[in-house]
PDB file of all heavy atoms in Angstrom:
ATOM      1  N   PRO A   1      -0.383   3.006 -13.866  1.00  0.00           N
ATOM      2  CA  PRO A   1       0.793   3.368 -14.650  1.00  0.00           C
ATOM      3  C   PRO A   1       0.492   4.478 -15.667  1.00  0.00           C
ATOM      4  O   PRO A   1      -0.529   4.423 -16.377  1.00  0.00           O
ATOM      5  CB  PRO A   1       1.139   2.041 -15.374  1.00  0.00           C
ATOM      6  CG  PRO A   1       0.601   0.972 -14.472  1.00  0.00           C
ATOM      7  CD  PRO A   1      -0.675   1.552 -13.913  1.00  0.00           C
ATOM      8  N   VAL A   2       1.356   5.463 -15.678  1.00  0.00           N
ATOM      9  CA  VAL A   2       1.205   6.566 -16.617  1.00  0.00           C
ATOM     10  C   VAL A   2       1.574   6.101 -18.025  1.00  0.00           C
ATOM     11  O   VAL A   2       2.450   5.273 -18.199  1.00  0.00           O
ATOM     12  CB  VAL A   2       2.119   7.732 -16.187  1.00  0.00           C
ATOM     13  CG1 VAL A   2       2.193   8.816 -17.257  1.00  0.00           C
ATOM     14  CG2 VAL A   2       1.640   8.340 -14.866  1.00  0.00           C
ATOM     15  N   GLY A   3       0.877   6.655 -19.000  1.00  0.00           N
ATOM     16  CA  GLY A   3       1.169   6.351 -20.391  1.00  0.00           C
ATOM     17  C   GLY A   3       0.245   5.294 -21.005  1.00  0.00           C
ATOM     18  O   GLY A   3       0.354   5.015 -22.194  1.00  0.00           O
ATOM     19  N   GLY A   4      -0.620   4.721 -20.198  1.00  0.00           N
ATOM     20  CA  GLY A   4      -1.506   3.655 -20.688  1.00  0.00           C
ATOM     21  C   GLY A   4      -2.880   4.191 -21.119  1.00  0.00           C
ATOM     22  O   GLY A   4      -3.265   5.304 -20.817  1.00  0.00           O
ATOM     23  N   THR A   5      -3.559   3.345 -21.851  1.00  0.00           N
ATOM     24  CA  THR A   5      -4.937   3.616 -22.261  1.00  0.00           C
ATOM     25  C   THR A   5      -5.834   2.607 -21.551  1.00  0.00           C
ATOM     26  O   THR A   5      -5.525   1.413 -21.525  1.00  0.00           O
ATOM     27  CB  THR A   5      -5.108   3.511 -23.795  1.00  0.00           C
ATOM     28  OG1 THR A   5      -4.274   4.505 -24.397  1.00  0.00           O
ATOM     29  CG2 THR A   5      -6.559   3.765 -24.192  1.00  0.00           C
ATOM     30  N   TYR A   6      -6.934   3.087 -20.999  1.00  0.00           N
ATOM     31  CA  TYR A   6      -7.796   2.231 -20.158  1.00  0.00           C
ATOM     32  C   TYR A   6      -9.238   2.431 -20.550  1.00  0.00           C
ATOM     33  O   TYR A   6      -9.652   3.481 -21.021  1.00  0.00           O
ATOM     34  CB  TYR A   6      -7.598   2.605 -18.704  1.00  0.00           C
ATOM     35  CG  TYR A   6      -6.169   2.518 -18.240  1.00  0.00           C
ATOM     36  CD1 TYR A   6      -5.313   3.630 -18.332  1.00  0.00           C
ATOM     37  CD2 TYR A   6      -5.646   1.337 -17.738  1.00  0.00           C
ATOM     38  CE1 TYR A   6      -4.008   3.562 -17.946  1.00  0.00           C
ATOM     39  CE2 TYR A   6      -4.309   1.259 -17.335  1.00  0.00           C
ATOM     40  CZ  TYR A   6      -3.505   2.384 -17.440  1.00  0.00           C
ATOM     41  OH  TYR A   6      -2.191   2.284 -17.061  1.00  0.00           O
ATOM     42  N   VAL A   7     -10.035   1.353 -20.319  1.00  0.00           N
ATOM     43  CA  VAL A   7     -11.473   1.409 -20.535  1.00  0.00           C
ATOM     44  C   VAL A   7     -12.164   1.327 -19.181  1.00  0.00           C
ATOM     45  O   VAL A   7     -11.892   0.444 -18.398  1.00  0.00           O
ATOM     46  CB  VAL A   7     -11.954   0.251 -21.435  1.00  0.00           C
ATOM     47  CG1 VAL A   7     -13.468   0.315 -21.606  1.00  0.00           C
ATOM     48  CG2 VAL A   7     -11.249   0.292 -22.783  1.00  0.00           C
ATOM     49  N   LEU A   8     -13.035   2.306 -18.917  1.00  0.00           N
ATOM     50  CA  LEU A   8     -13.797   2.351 -17.683  1.00  0.00           C
ATOM     51  C   LEU A   8     -15.237   1.912 -17.965  1.00  0.00           C
ATOM     52  O   LEU A   8     -15.889   2.475 -18.893  1.00  0.00           O
ATOM     53  CB  LEU A   8     -13.808   3.749 -17.085  1.00  0.00           C
ATOM     54  CG  LEU A   8     -12.459   4.320 -16.635  1.00  0.00           C
ATOM     55  CD1 LEU A   8     -12.598   5.756 -16.196  1.00  0.00           C
ATOM     56  CD2 LEU A   8     -11.851   3.485 -15.514  1.00  0.00           C
ATOM     57  N   THR A   9     -15.708   0.944 -17.220  1.00  0.00           N
ATOM     58  CA  THR A   9     -17.105   0.507 -17.339  1.00  0.00           C
ATOM     59  C   THR A   9     -17.751   0.550 -15.975  1.00  0.00           C
ATOM     60  O   THR A   9     -17.074   0.415 -14.941  1.00  0.00           O
ATOM     61  CB  THR A   9     -17.202  -0.919 -17.911  1.00  0.00           C
ATOM     62  OG1 THR A   9     -16.442  -1.819 -17.090  1.00  0.00           O
ATOM     63  CG2 THR A   9     -16.653  -0.991 -19.325  1.00  0.00           C
ATOM     64  N   VAL A  10     -19.090   0.804 -15.961  1.00  0.00           N
ATOM     65  CA  VAL A  10     -19.813   0.978 -14.700  1.00  0.00           C
ATOM     66  C   VAL A  10     -21.008   0.034 -14.674  1.00  0.00           C
ATOM     67  O   VAL A  10     -21.744  -0.082 -15.671  1.00  0.00           O
ATOM     68  CB  VAL A  10     -20.281   2.435 -14.531  1.00  0.00           C
ATOM     69  CG1 VAL A  10     -20.986   2.582 -13.192  1.00  0.00           C
ATOM     70  CG2 VAL A  10     -19.126   3.407 -14.638  1.00  0.00           C
ATOM     71  N   THR A  11     -21.181  -0.614 -13.543  1.00  0.00           N
ATOM     72  CA  THR A  11     -22.375  -1.431 -13.303  1.00  0.00           C
ATOM     73  C   THR A  11     -23.105  -0.860 -12.088  1.00  0.00           C
ATOM     74  O   THR A  11     -22.506  -0.719 -11.008  1.00  0.00           O
ATOM     75  CB  THR A  11     -22.005  -2.906 -13.034  1.00  0.00           C
ATOM     76  OG1 THR A  11     -21.280  -3.415 -14.150  1.00  0.00           O
ATOM     77  CG2 THR A  11     -23.262  -3.739 -12.817  1.00  0.00           C
ATOM     78  N   ALA A  12     -24.373  -0.464 -12.276  1.00  0.00           N
ATOM     79  CA  ALA A  12     -25.160   0.096 -11.163  1.00  0.00           C
ATOM     80  C   ALA A  12     -26.616  -0.312 -11.354  1.00  0.00           C
ATOM     81  O   ALA A  12     -27.111  -0.417 -12.477  1.00  0.00           O
ATOM     82  CB  ALA A  12     -25.020   1.611 -11.121  1.00  0.00           C
ATOM     83  N   LYS A  13     -27.298  -0.538 -10.259  1.00  0.00           N
ATOM     84  CA  LYS A  13     -28.683  -0.983 -10.297  1.00  0.00           C
ATOM     85  C   LYS A  13     -29.574   0.030 -11.007  1.00  0.00           C
ATOM     86  O   LYS A  13     -29.573   1.215 -10.689  1.00  0.00           O
ATOM     87  CB  LYS A  13     -29.178  -1.216  -8.873  1.00  0.00           C
ATOM     88  CG  LYS A  13     -30.547  -1.897  -8.780  1.00  0.00           C
ATOM     89  CD  LYS A  13     -30.903  -2.210  -7.349  1.00  0.00           C
ATOM     90  CE  LYS A  13     -32.238  -2.933  -7.248  1.00  0.00           C
ATOM     91  NZ  LYS A  13     -32.590  -3.231  -5.858  1.00  0.00           N
ATOM     92  N   ARG A  14     -30.349  -0.462 -12.026  1.00  0.00           N
ATOM     93  CA  ARG A  14     -31.328   0.313 -12.788  1.00  0.00           C
ATOM     94  C   ARG A  14     -30.716   1.426 -13.600  1.00  0.00           C
ATOM     95  O   ARG A  14     -31.413   2.333 -14.040  1.00  0.00           O
ATOM     96  CB  ARG A  14     -32.439   0.832 -11.861  1.00  0.00           C
ATOM     97  CG  ARG A  14     -33.298  -0.257 -11.237  1.00  0.00           C
ATOM     98  CD  ARG A  14     -34.505   0.326 -10.511  1.00  0.00           C
ATOM     99  NE  ARG A  14     -34.105   1.190  -9.417  1.00  0.00           N
ATOM    100  CZ  ARG A  14     -33.786   0.729  -8.195  1.00  0.00           C
ATOM    101  NH1 ARG A  14     -33.830  -0.571  -7.937  1.00  0.00           N
ATOM    102  NH2 ARG A  14     -33.463   1.571  -7.245  1.00  0.00           N
ATOM    103  N   LEU A  15     -29.379   1.419 -13.788  1.00  0.00           N
ATOM    104  CA  LEU A  15     -28.712   2.450 -14.605  1.00  0.00           C
ATOM    105  C   LEU A  15     -27.814   1.781 -15.640  1.00  0.00           C
ATOM    106  O   LEU A  15     -27.284   0.692 -15.391  1.00  0.00           O
ATOM    107  CB  LEU A  15     -27.870   3.384 -13.730  1.00  0.00           C
ATOM    108  CG  LEU A  15     -28.616   4.247 -12.701  1.00  0.00           C
ATOM    109  CD1 LEU A  15     -27.632   4.964 -11.795  1.00  0.00           C
ATOM    110  CD2 LEU A  15     -29.510   5.267 -13.412  1.00  0.00           C
ATOM    111  N   ALA A  16     -27.671   2.434 -16.748  1.00  0.00           N
ATOM    112  CA  ALA A  16     -26.764   1.936 -17.803  1.00  0.00           C
ATOM    113  C   ALA A  16     -25.744   3.009 -18.153  1.00  0.00           C
ATOM    114  O   ALA A  16     -26.068   4.231 -18.200  1.00  0.00           O
ATOM    115  CB  ALA A  16     -27.555   1.549 -19.049  1.00  0.00           C
ATOM    116  N   PHE A  17     -24.500   2.585 -18.360  1.00  0.00           N
ATOM    117  CA  PHE A  17     -23.406   3.513 -18.682  1.00  0.00           C
ATOM    118  C   PHE A  17     -22.693   3.006 -19.931  1.00  0.00           C
ATOM    119  O   PHE A  17     -22.499   1.816 -20.119  1.00  0.00           O
ATOM    120  CB  PHE A  17     -22.401   3.564 -17.525  1.00  0.00           C
ATOM    121  CG  PHE A  17     -22.915   4.152 -16.260  1.00  0.00           C
ATOM    122  CD1 PHE A  17     -23.744   3.405 -15.414  1.00  0.00           C
ATOM    123  CD2 PHE A  17     -22.555   5.433 -15.889  1.00  0.00           C
ATOM    124  CE1 PHE A  17     -24.204   3.966 -14.231  1.00  0.00           C
ATOM    125  CE2 PHE A  17     -23.021   5.997 -14.688  1.00  0.00           C
ATOM    126  CZ  PHE A  17     -23.857   5.252 -13.870  1.00  0.00           C
ATOM    127  N   SER A  18     -22.293   3.919 -20.763  1.00  0.00           N
ATOM    128  CA  SER A  18     -21.471   3.584 -21.929  1.00  0.00           C
ATOM    129  C   SER A  18     -20.017   3.467 -21.485  1.00  0.00           C
ATOM    130  O   SER A  18     -19.560   4.253 -20.628  1.00  0.00           O
ATOM    131  CB  SER A  18     -21.602   4.638 -23.015  1.00  0.00           C
ATOM    132  OG  SER A  18     -22.921   4.719 -23.483  1.00  0.00           O
ATOM    133  N   PRO A  19     -19.256   2.534 -22.024  1.00  0.00           N
ATOM    134  CA  PRO A  19     -17.839   2.456 -21.682  1.00  0.00           C
ATOM    135  C   PRO A  19     -17.097   3.755 -22.033  1.00  0.00           C
ATOM    136  O   PRO A  19     -17.455   4.432 -23.003  1.00  0.00           O
ATOM    137  CB  PRO A  19     -17.318   1.281 -22.529  1.00  0.00           C
ATOM    138  CG  PRO A  19     -18.552   0.497 -22.872  1.00  0.00           C
ATOM    139  CD  PRO A  19     -19.656   1.474 -22.980  1.00  0.00           C
ATOM    140  N   ARG A  20     -16.116   4.089 -21.246  1.00  0.00           N
ATOM    141  CA  ARG A  20     -15.338   5.304 -21.501  1.00  0.00           C
ATOM    142  C   ARG A  20     -13.871   4.955 -21.621  1.00  0.00           C
ATOM    143  O   ARG A  20     -13.307   4.263 -20.771  1.00  0.00           O
ATOM    144  CB  ARG A  20     -15.538   6.316 -20.373  1.00  0.00           C
ATOM    145  CG  ARG A  20     -14.793   7.611 -20.609  1.00  0.00           C
ATOM    146  CD  ARG A  20     -15.312   8.711 -19.746  1.00  0.00           C
ATOM    147  NE  ARG A  20     -14.550   9.937 -19.927  1.00  0.00           N
ATOM    148  CZ  ARG A  20     -14.765  11.050 -19.257  1.00  0.00           C
ATOM    149  NH1 ARG A  20     -15.740  11.100 -18.352  1.00  0.00           N
ATOM    150  NH2 ARG A  20     -14.048  12.130 -19.464  1.00  0.00           N
ATOM    151  N   VAL A  21     -13.256   5.423 -22.702  1.00  0.00           N
ATOM    152  CA  VAL A  21     -11.818   5.174 -22.954  1.00  0.00           C
ATOM    153  C   VAL A  21     -11.037   6.424 -22.534  1.00  0.00           C
ATOM    154  O   VAL A  21     -11.373   7.545 -22.947  1.00  0.00           O
ATOM    155  CB  VAL A  21     -11.578   4.838 -24.437  1.00  0.00           C
ATOM    156  CG1 VAL A  21     -10.088   4.607 -24.667  1.00  0.00           C
ATOM    157  CG2 VAL A  21     -12.390   3.634 -24.864  1.00  0.00           C
ATOM    158  N   ILE A  22      -9.989   6.205 -21.727  1.00  0.00           N
ATOM    159  CA  ILE A  22      -9.158   7.330 -21.282  1.00  0.00           C
ATOM    160  C   ILE A  22      -7.687   6.974 -21.509  1.00  0.00           C
ATOM    161  O   ILE A  22      -7.286   5.813 -21.477  1.00  0.00           O
ATOM    162  CB  ILE A  22      -9.381   7.669 -19.786  1.00  0.00           C
ATOM    163  CG1 ILE A  22      -9.005   6.460 -18.903  1.00  0.00           C
ATOM    164  CG2 ILE A  22     -10.802   8.104 -19.556  1.00  0.00           C
ATOM    165  CD1 ILE A  22      -8.968   6.815 -17.420  1.00  0.00           C
ATOM    166  N   SER A  23      -6.895   7.998 -21.787  1.00  0.00           N
ATOM    167  CA  SER A  23      -5.439   7.886 -21.842  1.00  0.00           C
ATOM    168  C   SER A  23      -4.858   8.649 -20.665  1.00  0.00           C
ATOM    169  O   SER A  23      -5.211   9.826 -20.464  1.00  0.00           O
ATOM    170  CB  SER A  23      -4.883   8.433 -23.168  1.00  0.00           C
ATOM    171  OG  SER A  23      -5.339   7.657 -24.250  1.00  0.00           O
ATOM    172  N   VAL A  24      -3.991   8.007 -19.899  1.00  0.00           N
ATOM    173  CA  VAL A  24      -3.488   8.593 -18.664  1.00  0.00           C
ATOM    174  C   VAL A  24      -2.072   9.111 -18.854  1.00  0.00           C
ATOM    175  O   VAL A  24      -1.158   8.335 -19.125  1.00  0.00           O
ATOM    176  CB  VAL A  24      -3.528   7.574 -17.503  1.00  0.00           C
ATOM    177  CG1 VAL A  24      -2.928   8.177 -16.243  1.00  0.00           C
ATOM    178  CG2 VAL A  24      -4.948   7.135 -17.249  1.00  0.00           C
ATOM    179  N   SER A  25      -1.902  10.431 -18.754  1.00  0.00           N
ATOM    180  CA  SER A  25      -0.576  11.043 -18.825  1.00  0.00           C
ATOM    181  C   SER A  25      -0.202  11.768 -17.554  1.00  0.00           C
ATOM    182  O   SER A  25       0.944  12.158 -17.372  1.00  0.00           O
ATOM    183  CB  SER A  25      -0.516  12.015 -20.019  1.00  0.00           C
ATOM    184  OG  SER A  25      -1.478  13.037 -19.871  1.00  0.00           O
ATOM    185  N   ASP A  26      -1.156  11.963 -16.687  1.00  0.00           N
ATOM    186  CA  ASP A  26      -0.945  12.655 -15.419  1.00  0.00           C
ATOM    187  C   ASP A  26      -2.097  12.298 -14.489  1.00  0.00           C
ATOM    188  O   ASP A  26      -2.987  11.522 -14.868  1.00  0.00           O
ATOM    189  CB  ASP A  26      -0.885  14.164 -15.648  1.00  0.00           C
ATOM    190  CG  ASP A  26      -0.127  14.905 -14.546  1.00  0.00           C
ATOM    191  OD1 ASP A  26       0.092  14.282 -13.475  1.00  0.00           O
ATOM    192  OD2 ASP A  26       0.221  16.084 -14.758  1.00  0.00           O
ATOM    193  N   GLU A  27      -2.100  12.849 -13.295  1.00  0.00           N
ATOM    194  CA  GLU A  27      -3.185  12.574 -12.362  1.00  0.00           C
ATOM    195  C   GLU A  27      -4.525  12.940 -13.027  1.00  0.00           C
ATOM    196  O   GLU A  27      -4.681  13.991 -13.620  1.00  0.00           O
ATOM    197  CB  GLU A  27      -3.019  13.351 -11.077  1.00  0.00           C
ATOM    198  CG  GLU A  27      -4.056  12.981 -10.031  1.00  0.00           C
ATOM    199  CD  GLU A  27      -3.814  13.678  -8.705  1.00  0.00           C
ATOM    200  OE1 GLU A  27      -3.977  14.901  -8.650  1.00  0.00           O
ATOM    201  OE2 GLU A  27      -3.453  12.971  -7.744  1.00  0.00           O
ATOM    202  N   ALA A  28      -5.490  12.024 -12.921  1.00  0.00           N
ATOM    203  CA  ALA A  28      -6.795  12.234 -13.554  1.00  0.00           C
ATOM    204  C   ALA A  28      -7.878  11.895 -12.538  1.00  0.00           C
ATOM    205  O   ALA A  28      -8.404  10.785 -12.504  1.00  0.00           O
ATOM    206  CB  ALA A  28      -6.939  11.366 -14.804  1.00  0.00           C
ATOM    207  N   THR A  29      -8.189  12.872 -11.701  1.00  0.00           N
ATOM    208  CA  THR A  29      -9.175  12.630 -10.616  1.00  0.00           C
ATOM    209  C   THR A  29     -10.493  13.356 -10.889  1.00  0.00           C
ATOM    210  O   THR A  29     -11.282  13.574  -9.953  1.00  0.00           O
ATOM    211  CB  THR A  29      -8.595  13.066  -9.264  1.00  0.00           C
ATOM    212  OG1 THR A  29      -8.147  14.447  -9.359  1.00  0.00           O
ATOM    213  CG2 THR A  29      -7.423  12.181  -8.860  1.00  0.00           C
ATOM    214  N   ASN A  30     -10.712  13.720 -12.152  1.00  0.00           N
ATOM    215  CA  ASN A  30     -11.984  14.371 -12.519  1.00  0.00           C
ATOM    216  C   ASN A  30     -12.652  13.645 -13.671  1.00  0.00           C
ATOM    217  O   ASN A  30     -13.292  14.262 -14.501  1.00  0.00           O
ATOM    218  CB  ASN A  30     -11.737  15.843 -12.865  1.00  0.00           C
ATOM    219  CG  ASN A  30     -10.780  16.011 -14.043  1.00  0.00           C
ATOM    220  OD1 ASN A  30     -10.123  15.062 -14.430  1.00  0.00           O
ATOM    221  ND2 ASN A  30     -10.711  17.210 -14.586  1.00  0.00           N
ATOM    222  N   ILE A  31     -12.463  12.304 -13.708  1.00  0.00           N
ATOM    223  CA  ILE A  31     -13.097  11.496 -14.725  1.00  0.00           C
ATOM    224  C   ILE A  31     -14.499  11.118 -14.217  1.00  0.00           C
ATOM    225  O   ILE A  31     -14.664  10.078 -13.542  1.00  0.00           O
ATOM    226  CB  ILE A  31     -12.261  10.258 -15.064  1.00  0.00           C
ATOM    227  CG1 ILE A  31     -10.816  10.627 -15.383  1.00  0.00           C
ATOM    228  CG2 ILE A  31     -12.904   9.487 -16.215  1.00  0.00           C
ATOM    229  CD1 ILE A  31     -10.670  11.526 -16.600  1.00  0.00           C
ATOM    230  N   ASN A  32     -15.471  11.966 -14.500  1.00  0.00           N
ATOM    231  CA  ASN A  32     -16.814  11.734 -14.012  1.00  0.00           C
ATOM    232  C   ASN A  32     -17.564  10.802 -14.968  1.00  0.00           C
ATOM    233  O   ASN A  32     -17.492  10.974 -16.206  1.00  0.00           O
ATOM    234  CB  ASN A  32     -17.561  13.055 -13.874  1.00  0.00           C
ATOM    235  CG  ASN A  32     -16.899  13.953 -12.847  1.00  0.00           C
ATOM    236  OD1 ASN A  32     -16.232  13.481 -11.917  1.00  0.00           O
ATOM    237  ND2 ASN A  32     -17.061  15.257 -13.001  1.00  0.00           N
ATOM    238  N   LEU A  33     -18.273   9.837 -14.416  1.00  0.00           N
ATOM    239  CA  LEU A  33     -18.988   8.825 -15.196  1.00  0.00           C
ATOM    240  C   LEU A  33     -20.480   9.050 -15.042  1.00  0.00           C
ATOM    241  O   LEU A  33     -21.018   8.938 -13.932  1.00  0.00           O
ATOM    242  CB  LEU A  33     -18.581   7.437 -14.716  1.00  0.00           C
ATOM    243  CG  LEU A  33     -17.058   7.162 -14.749  1.00  0.00           C
ATOM    244  CD1 LEU A  33     -16.735   5.806 -14.132  1.00  0.00           C
ATOM    245  CD2 LEU A  33     -16.536   7.238 -16.191  1.00  0.00           C
ATOM    246  N   VAL A  34     -21.128   9.415 -16.148  1.00  0.00           N
ATOM    247  CA  VAL A  34     -22.538   9.822 -16.117  1.00  0.00           C
ATOM    248  C   VAL A  34     -23.392   8.763 -16.829  1.00  0.00           C
ATOM    249  O   VAL A  34     -23.062   8.312 -17.923  1.00  0.00           O
ATOM    250  CB  VAL A  34     -22.716  11.184 -16.791  1.00  0.00           C
ATOM    251  CG1 VAL A  34     -24.175  11.630 -16.729  1.00  0.00           C
ATOM    252  CG2 VAL A  34     -21.802  12.217 -16.126  1.00  0.00           C
ATOM    253  N   ALA A  35     -24.483   8.387 -16.159  1.00  0.00           N
ATOM    254  CA  ALA A  35     -25.377   7.374 -16.748  1.00  0.00           C
ATOM    255  C   ALA A  35     -26.024   7.912 -18.013  1.00  0.00           C
ATOM    256  O   ALA A  35     -26.201   9.132 -18.196  1.00  0.00           O
ATOM    257  CB  ALA A  35     -26.437   6.982 -15.725  1.00  0.00           C
ATOM    258  N   ASN A  36     -26.406   7.004 -18.891  1.00  0.00           N
ATOM    259  CA  ASN A  36     -27.125   7.378 -20.105  1.00  0.00           C
ATOM    260  C   ASN A  36     -28.464   7.999 -19.753  1.00  0.00           C
ATOM    261  O   ASN A  36     -29.081   7.658 -18.719  1.00  0.00           O
ATOM    262  CB  ASN A  36     -27.338   6.166 -21.009  1.00  0.00           C
ATOM    263  CG  ASN A  36     -26.004   5.559 -21.442  1.00  0.00           C
ATOM    264  OD1 ASN A  36     -24.961   6.242 -21.481  1.00  0.00           O
ATOM    265  ND2 ASN A  36     -26.022   4.263 -21.759  1.00  0.00           N
ATOM    266  N   VAL A  37     -28.981   8.896 -20.604  1.00  0.00           N
ATOM    267  CA  VAL A  37     -30.262   9.527 -20.343  1.00  0.00           C
ATOM    268  C   VAL A  37     -31.367   8.493 -20.263  1.00  0.00           C
ATOM    269  O   VAL A  37     -32.184   8.474 -19.335  1.00  0.00           O
ATOM    270  CB  VAL A  37     -30.593  10.578 -21.434  1.00  0.00           C
ATOM    271  CG1 VAL A  37     -32.004  11.112 -21.239  1.00  0.00           C
ATOM    272  CG2 VAL A  37     -29.575  11.692 -21.430  1.00  0.00           C
TER     273      VAL A  37
END
């Protein structure tokens, strides 16, 4: 649904990711999720 705010979290073996908060107003297909250094 457009207009909402969402939290993206990632679980992957031997990697850690910080949660990412996004607000969706249009198509968002370039939300890249990068593991912490």
